[in-house]
């Protein structure tokens, strides 16, 4: 759900977390996945070799 930009407070409520920091743990997973995809696909991170293939 966080990958689809659902509000963290809504996710917190649905999961029954008393504190938002418990829910924010999932945000960090989402961000790391985003960074991984960015590094693999964004033109500024690819060398000329990868672009030409």
PDB file of N, CA and C in Angstrom:
ATOM      1  N   UNK A   1       0.823  -1.193   0.000  1.00  0.00           N
ATOM      2  CA  UNK A   1       0.000   0.000   0.000  1.00  0.00           C
ATOM      3  C   UNK A   1       0.872   1.265   0.000  1.00  0.00           C
ATOM      4  N   UNK A   2       1.957   1.223   0.761  1.00  0.00           N
ATOM      5  CA  UNK A   2       2.831   2.388   0.782  1.00  0.00           C
ATOM      6  C   UNK A   2       3.473   2.617  -0.578  1.00  0.00           C
ATOM      7  N   UNK A   3       3.695   1.545  -1.310  1.00  0.00           N
ATOM      8  CA  UNK A   3       4.230   1.684  -2.664  1.00  0.00           C
ATOM      9  C   UNK A   3       3.251   2.411  -3.575  1.00  0.00           C
ATOM     10  N   UNK A   4       1.982   2.354  -3.229  1.00  0.00           N
ATOM     11  CA  UNK A   4       0.953   3.035  -4.016  1.00  0.00           C
ATOM     12  C   UNK A   4       0.613   4.395  -3.409  1.00  0.00           C
ATOM     13  N   UNK A   5       1.455   4.883  -2.509  1.00  0.00           N
ATOM     14  CA  UNK A   5       1.335   6.211  -1.895  1.00  0.00           C
ATOM     15  C   UNK A   5       0.110   6.377  -1.014  1.00  0.00           C
ATOM     16  N   UNK A   6      -0.331   5.307  -0.349  1.00  0.00           N
ATOM     17  CA  UNK A   6      -1.413   5.421   0.620  1.00  0.00           C
ATOM     18  C   UNK A   6      -0.854   6.135   1.848  1.00  0.00           C
ATOM     19  N   UNK A   7      -1.648   6.997   2.447  1.00  0.00           N
ATOM     20  CA  UNK A   7      -1.242   7.756   3.624  1.00  0.00           C
ATOM     21  C   UNK A   7      -0.772   6.822   4.743  1.00  0.00           C
ATOM     22  N   UNK A   8       0.363   7.149   5.349  1.00  0.00           N
ATOM     23  CA  UNK A   8       0.931   6.310   6.408  1.00  0.00           C
ATOM     24  C   UNK A   8      -0.013   6.160   7.593  1.00  0.00           C
ATOM     25  N   UNK A   9      -0.750   7.195   7.922  1.00  0.00           N
ATOM     26  CA  UNK A   9      -1.696   7.124   9.051  1.00  0.00           C
ATOM     27  C   UNK A   9      -2.795   6.094   8.779  1.00  0.00           C
ATOM     28  N   UNK A  10      -3.250   6.006   7.553  1.00  0.00           N
ATOM     29  CA  UNK A  10      -4.269   5.013   7.206  1.00  0.00           C
ATOM     30  C   UNK A  10      -3.713   3.601   7.340  1.00  0.00           C
ATOM     31  N   UNK A  11      -2.472   3.413   6.876  1.00  0.00           N
ATOM     32  CA  UNK A  11      -1.838   2.105   6.999  1.00  0.00           C
ATOM     33  C   UNK A  11      -1.633   1.767   8.474  1.00  0.00           C
ATOM     34  N   UNK A  12      -1.231   2.755   9.260  1.00  0.00           N
ATOM     35  CA  UNK A  12      -1.044   2.560  10.701  1.00  0.00           C
ATOM     36  C   UNK A  12      -2.342   2.065  11.344  1.00  0.00           C
ATOM     37  N   UNK A  13      -3.437   2.712  11.010  1.00  0.00           N
ATOM     38  CA  UNK A  13      -4.744   2.311  11.548  1.00  0.00           C
ATOM     39  C   UNK A  13      -5.107   0.894  11.141  1.00  0.00           C
ATOM     40  N   UNK A  14      -4.937   0.588   9.855  1.00  0.00           N
ATOM     41  CA  UNK A  14      -5.302  -0.739   9.345  1.00  0.00           C
ATOM     42  C   UNK A  14      -4.493  -1.844  10.010  1.00  0.00           C
ATOM     43  N   UNK A  15      -3.195  -1.573  10.269  1.00  0.00           N
ATOM     44  CA  UNK A  15      -2.339  -2.585  10.885  1.00  0.00           C
ATOM     45  C   UNK A  15      -2.472  -2.628  12.402  1.00  0.00           C
ATOM     46  N   UNK A  16      -3.120  -1.627  12.966  1.00  0.00           N
ATOM     47  CA  UNK A  16      -3.319  -1.602  14.411  1.00  0.00           C
ATOM     48  C   UNK A  16      -2.084  -1.182  15.189  1.00  0.00           C
ATOM     49  N   UNK A  17      -1.190  -0.446  14.540  1.00  0.00           N
ATOM     50  CA  UNK A  17       0.017   0.029  15.224  1.00  0.00           C
ATOM     51  C   UNK A  17      -0.339   1.199  16.134  1.00  0.00           C
ATOM     52  N   UNK A  18       0.129   1.133  17.366  1.00  0.00           N
ATOM     53  CA  UNK A  18      -0.130   2.216  18.314  1.00  0.00           C
ATOM     54  C   UNK A  18       0.708   3.448  17.978  1.00  0.00           C
ATOM     55  N   UNK A  19       1.897   3.220  17.439  1.00  0.00           N
ATOM     56  CA  UNK A  19       2.826   4.307  17.161  1.00  0.00           C
ATOM     57  C   UNK A  19       3.179   4.328  15.679  1.00  0.00           C
ATOM     58  N   UNK A  20       3.248   5.519  15.094  1.00  0.00           N
ATOM     59  CA  UNK A  20       3.538   5.652  13.659  1.00  0.00           C
ATOM     60  C   UNK A  20       4.924   5.115  13.308  1.00  0.00           C
ATOM     61  N   UNK A  21       5.860   5.114  14.256  1.00  0.00           N
ATOM     62  CA  UNK A  21       7.206   4.620  13.957  1.00  0.00           C
ATOM     63  C   UNK A  21       7.199   3.137  13.598  1.00  0.00           C
ATOM     64  N   UNK A  22       6.240   2.406  14.132  1.00  0.00           N
ATOM     65  CA  UNK A  22       6.119   0.991  13.756  1.00  0.00           C
ATOM     66  C   UNK A  22       5.745   0.852  12.286  1.00  0.00           C
ATOM     67  N   UNK A  23       4.890   1.732  11.817  1.00  0.00           N
ATOM     68  CA  UNK A  23       4.453   1.721  10.427  1.00  0.00           C
ATOM     69  C   UNK A  23       5.554   2.236   9.507  1.00  0.00           C
ATOM     70  N   UNK A  24       6.325   3.200   9.975  1.00  0.00           N
ATOM     71  CA  UNK A  24       7.371   3.808   9.155  1.00  0.00           C
ATOM     72  C   UNK A  24       8.468   2.822   8.779  1.00  0.00           C
ATOM     73  N   UNK A  25       8.598   1.733   9.500  1.00  0.00           N
ATOM     74  CA  UNK A  25       9.568   0.695   9.142  1.00  0.00           C
ATOM     75  C   UNK A  25       9.320   0.239   7.710  1.00  0.00           C
ATOM     76  N   UNK A  26       8.060   0.125   7.319  1.00  0.00           N
ATOM     77  CA  UNK A  26       7.711  -0.308   5.971  1.00  0.00           C
ATOM     78  C   UNK A  26       8.079   0.740   4.928  1.00  0.00           C
ATOM     79  N   UNK A  27       8.082   2.003   5.325  1.00  0.00           N
ATOM     80  CA  UNK A  27       8.462   3.078   4.411  1.00  0.00           C
ATOM     81  C   UNK A  27       9.903   2.918   3.977  1.00  0.00           C
ATOM     82  N   UNK A  28      10.757   2.533   4.893  1.00  0.00           N
ATOM     83  CA  UNK A  28      12.166   2.371   4.566  1.00  0.00           C
ATOM     84  C   UNK A  28      12.364   1.217   3.592  1.00  0.00           C
ATOM     85  N   UNK A  29      11.586   0.185   3.719  1.00  0.00           N
ATOM     86  CA  UNK A  29      11.651  -0.918   2.765  1.00  0.00           C
ATOM     87  C   UNK A  29      11.251  -0.409   1.388  1.00  0.00           C
ATOM     88  N   UNK A  30      10.213   0.382   1.325  1.00  0.00           N
ATOM     89  CA  UNK A  30       9.749   0.921   0.055  1.00  0.00           C
ATOM     90  C   UNK A  30      10.803   1.816  -0.583  1.00  0.00           C
ATOM     91  N   UNK A  31      11.433   2.649   0.217  1.00  0.00           N
ATOM     92  CA  UNK A  31      12.461   3.542  -0.311  1.00  0.00           C
ATOM     93  C   UNK A  31      13.659   2.760  -0.820  1.00  0.00           C
ATOM     94  N   UNK A  32      14.035   1.703  -0.117  1.00  0.00           N
ATOM     95  CA  UNK A  32      15.183   0.923  -0.580  1.00  0.00           C
ATOM     96  C   UNK A  32      14.867   0.241  -1.906  1.00  0.00           C
ATOM     97  N   UNK A  33      13.638  -0.207  -2.065  1.00  0.00           N
ATOM     98  CA  UNK A  33      13.224  -0.803  -3.332  1.00  0.00           C
ATOM     99  C   UNK A  33      13.259   0.246  -4.442  1.00  0.00           C
ATOM    100  N   UNK A  34      12.819   1.449  -4.136  1.00  0.00           N
ATOM    101  CA  UNK A  34      12.852   2.529  -5.108  1.00  0.00           C
ATOM    102  C   UNK A  34      14.277   2.837  -5.533  1.00  0.00           C
ATOM    103  N   UNK A  35      15.188   2.892  -4.587  1.00  0.00           N
ATOM    104  CA  UNK A  35      16.592   3.151  -4.902  1.00  0.00           C
ATOM    105  C   UNK A  35      17.170   2.048  -5.787  1.00  0.00           C
ATOM    106  N   UNK A  36      16.805   0.815  -5.483  1.00  0.00           N
ATOM    107  CA  UNK A  36      17.286  -0.325  -6.276  1.00  0.00           C
ATOM    108  C   UNK A  36      16.824  -0.203  -7.731  1.00  0.00           C
ATOM    109  N   UNK A  37      15.561   0.091  -7.920  1.00  0.00           N
ATOM    110  CA  UNK A  37      15.019   0.231  -9.271  1.00  0.00           C
ATOM    111  C   UNK A  37      15.657   1.421  -9.976  1.00  0.00           C
ATOM    112  N   UNK A  38      15.826   2.509  -9.264  1.00  0.00           N
ATOM    113  CA  UNK A  38      16.453   3.704  -9.837  1.00  0.00           C
ATOM    114  C   UNK A  38      17.849   3.393 -10.348  1.00  0.00           C
ATOM    115  N   UNK A  39      18.642   2.725  -9.528  1.00  0.00           N
ATOM    116  CA  UNK A  39      20.024   2.414  -9.907  1.00  0.00           C
ATOM    117  C   UNK A  39      20.093   1.489 -11.121  1.00  0.00           C
ATOM    118  N   UNK A  40      19.110   0.628 -11.270  1.00  0.00           N
ATOM    119  CA  UNK A  40      19.109  -0.314 -12.383  1.00  0.00           C
ATOM    120  C   UNK A  40      18.585   0.295 -13.680  1.00  0.00           C
ATOM    121  N   UNK A  41      17.775   1.351 -13.588  1.00  0.00           N
ATOM    122  CA  UNK A  41      17.071   1.800 -14.781  1.00  0.00           C
ATOM    123  C   UNK A  41      17.272   3.255 -15.179  1.00  0.00           C
ATOM    124  N   UNK A  42      17.650   4.114 -14.276  1.00  0.00           N
ATOM    125  CA  UNK A  42      17.740   5.538 -14.617  1.00  0.00           C
ATOM    126  C   UNK A  42      18.958   5.802 -15.492  1.00  0.00           C
ATOM    127  N   UNK A  43      18.770   6.525 -16.583  1.00  0.00           N
ATOM    128  CA  UNK A  43      19.870   6.781 -17.523  1.00  0.00           C
ATOM    129  C   UNK A  43      21.114   7.388 -16.882  1.00  0.00           C
ATOM    130  N   UNK A  44      20.950   8.226 -15.871  1.00  0.00           N
ATOM    131  CA  UNK A  44      22.122   8.863 -15.263  1.00  0.00           C
ATOM    132  C   UNK A  44      22.996   7.879 -14.495  1.00  0.00           C
ATOM    133  N   UNK A  45      22.468   6.707 -14.185  1.00  0.00           N
ATOM    134  CA  UNK A  45      23.258   5.717 -13.449  1.00  0.00           C
ATOM    135  C   UNK A  45      23.822   4.626 -14.350  1.00  0.00           C
ATOM    136  N   UNK A  46      23.432   4.639 -15.608  1.00  0.00           N
ATOM    137  CA  UNK A  46      23.883   3.611 -16.542  1.00  0.00           C
ATOM    138  C   UNK A  46      25.089   4.098 -17.337  1.00  0.00           C
ATOM    139  N   UNK A  47      25.999   3.199 -17.596  1.00  0.00           N
ATOM    140  CA  UNK A  47      27.141   3.551 -18.440  1.00  0.00           C
ATOM    141  C   UNK A  47      26.706   3.488 -19.906  1.00  0.00           C
ATOM    142  N   UNK A  48      27.549   3.971 -20.802  1.00  0.00           N
ATOM    143  CA  UNK A  48      27.237   3.925 -22.235  1.00  0.00           C
ATOM    144  C   UNK A  48      26.994   2.495 -22.705  1.00  0.00           C
ATOM    145  N   UNK A  49      27.714   1.545 -22.111  1.00  0.00           N
ATOM    146  CA  UNK A  49      27.551   0.137 -22.497  1.00  0.00           C
ATOM    147  C   UNK A  49      26.100  -0.306 -22.315  1.00  0.00           C
ATOM    148  N   UNK A  50      25.543  -0.013 -21.136  1.00  0.00           N
ATOM    149  CA  UNK A  50      24.186  -0.468 -20.836  1.00  0.00           C
ATOM    150  C   UNK A  50      23.151   0.207 -21.728  1.00  0.00           C
ATOM    151  N   UNK A  51      23.383   1.453 -22.056  1.00  0.00           N
ATOM    152  CA  UNK A  51      22.418   2.184 -22.875  1.00  0.00           C
ATOM    153  C   UNK A  51      22.385   1.625 -24.296  1.00  0.00           C
ATOM    154  N   UNK A  52      23.550   1.256 -24.825  1.00  0.00           N
ATOM    155  CA  UNK A  52      23.607   0.766 -26.195  1.00  0.00           C
ATOM    156  C   UNK A  52      23.118  -0.660 -26.355  1.00  0.00           C
ATOM    157  N   UNK A  53      23.066  -1.407 -25.301  1.00  0.00           N
ATOM    158  CA  UNK A  53      22.654  -2.820 -25.411  1.00  0.00           C
ATOM    159  C   UNK A  53      21.206  -2.986 -25.590  1.00  0.00           C
TER     160      UNK A  53
END
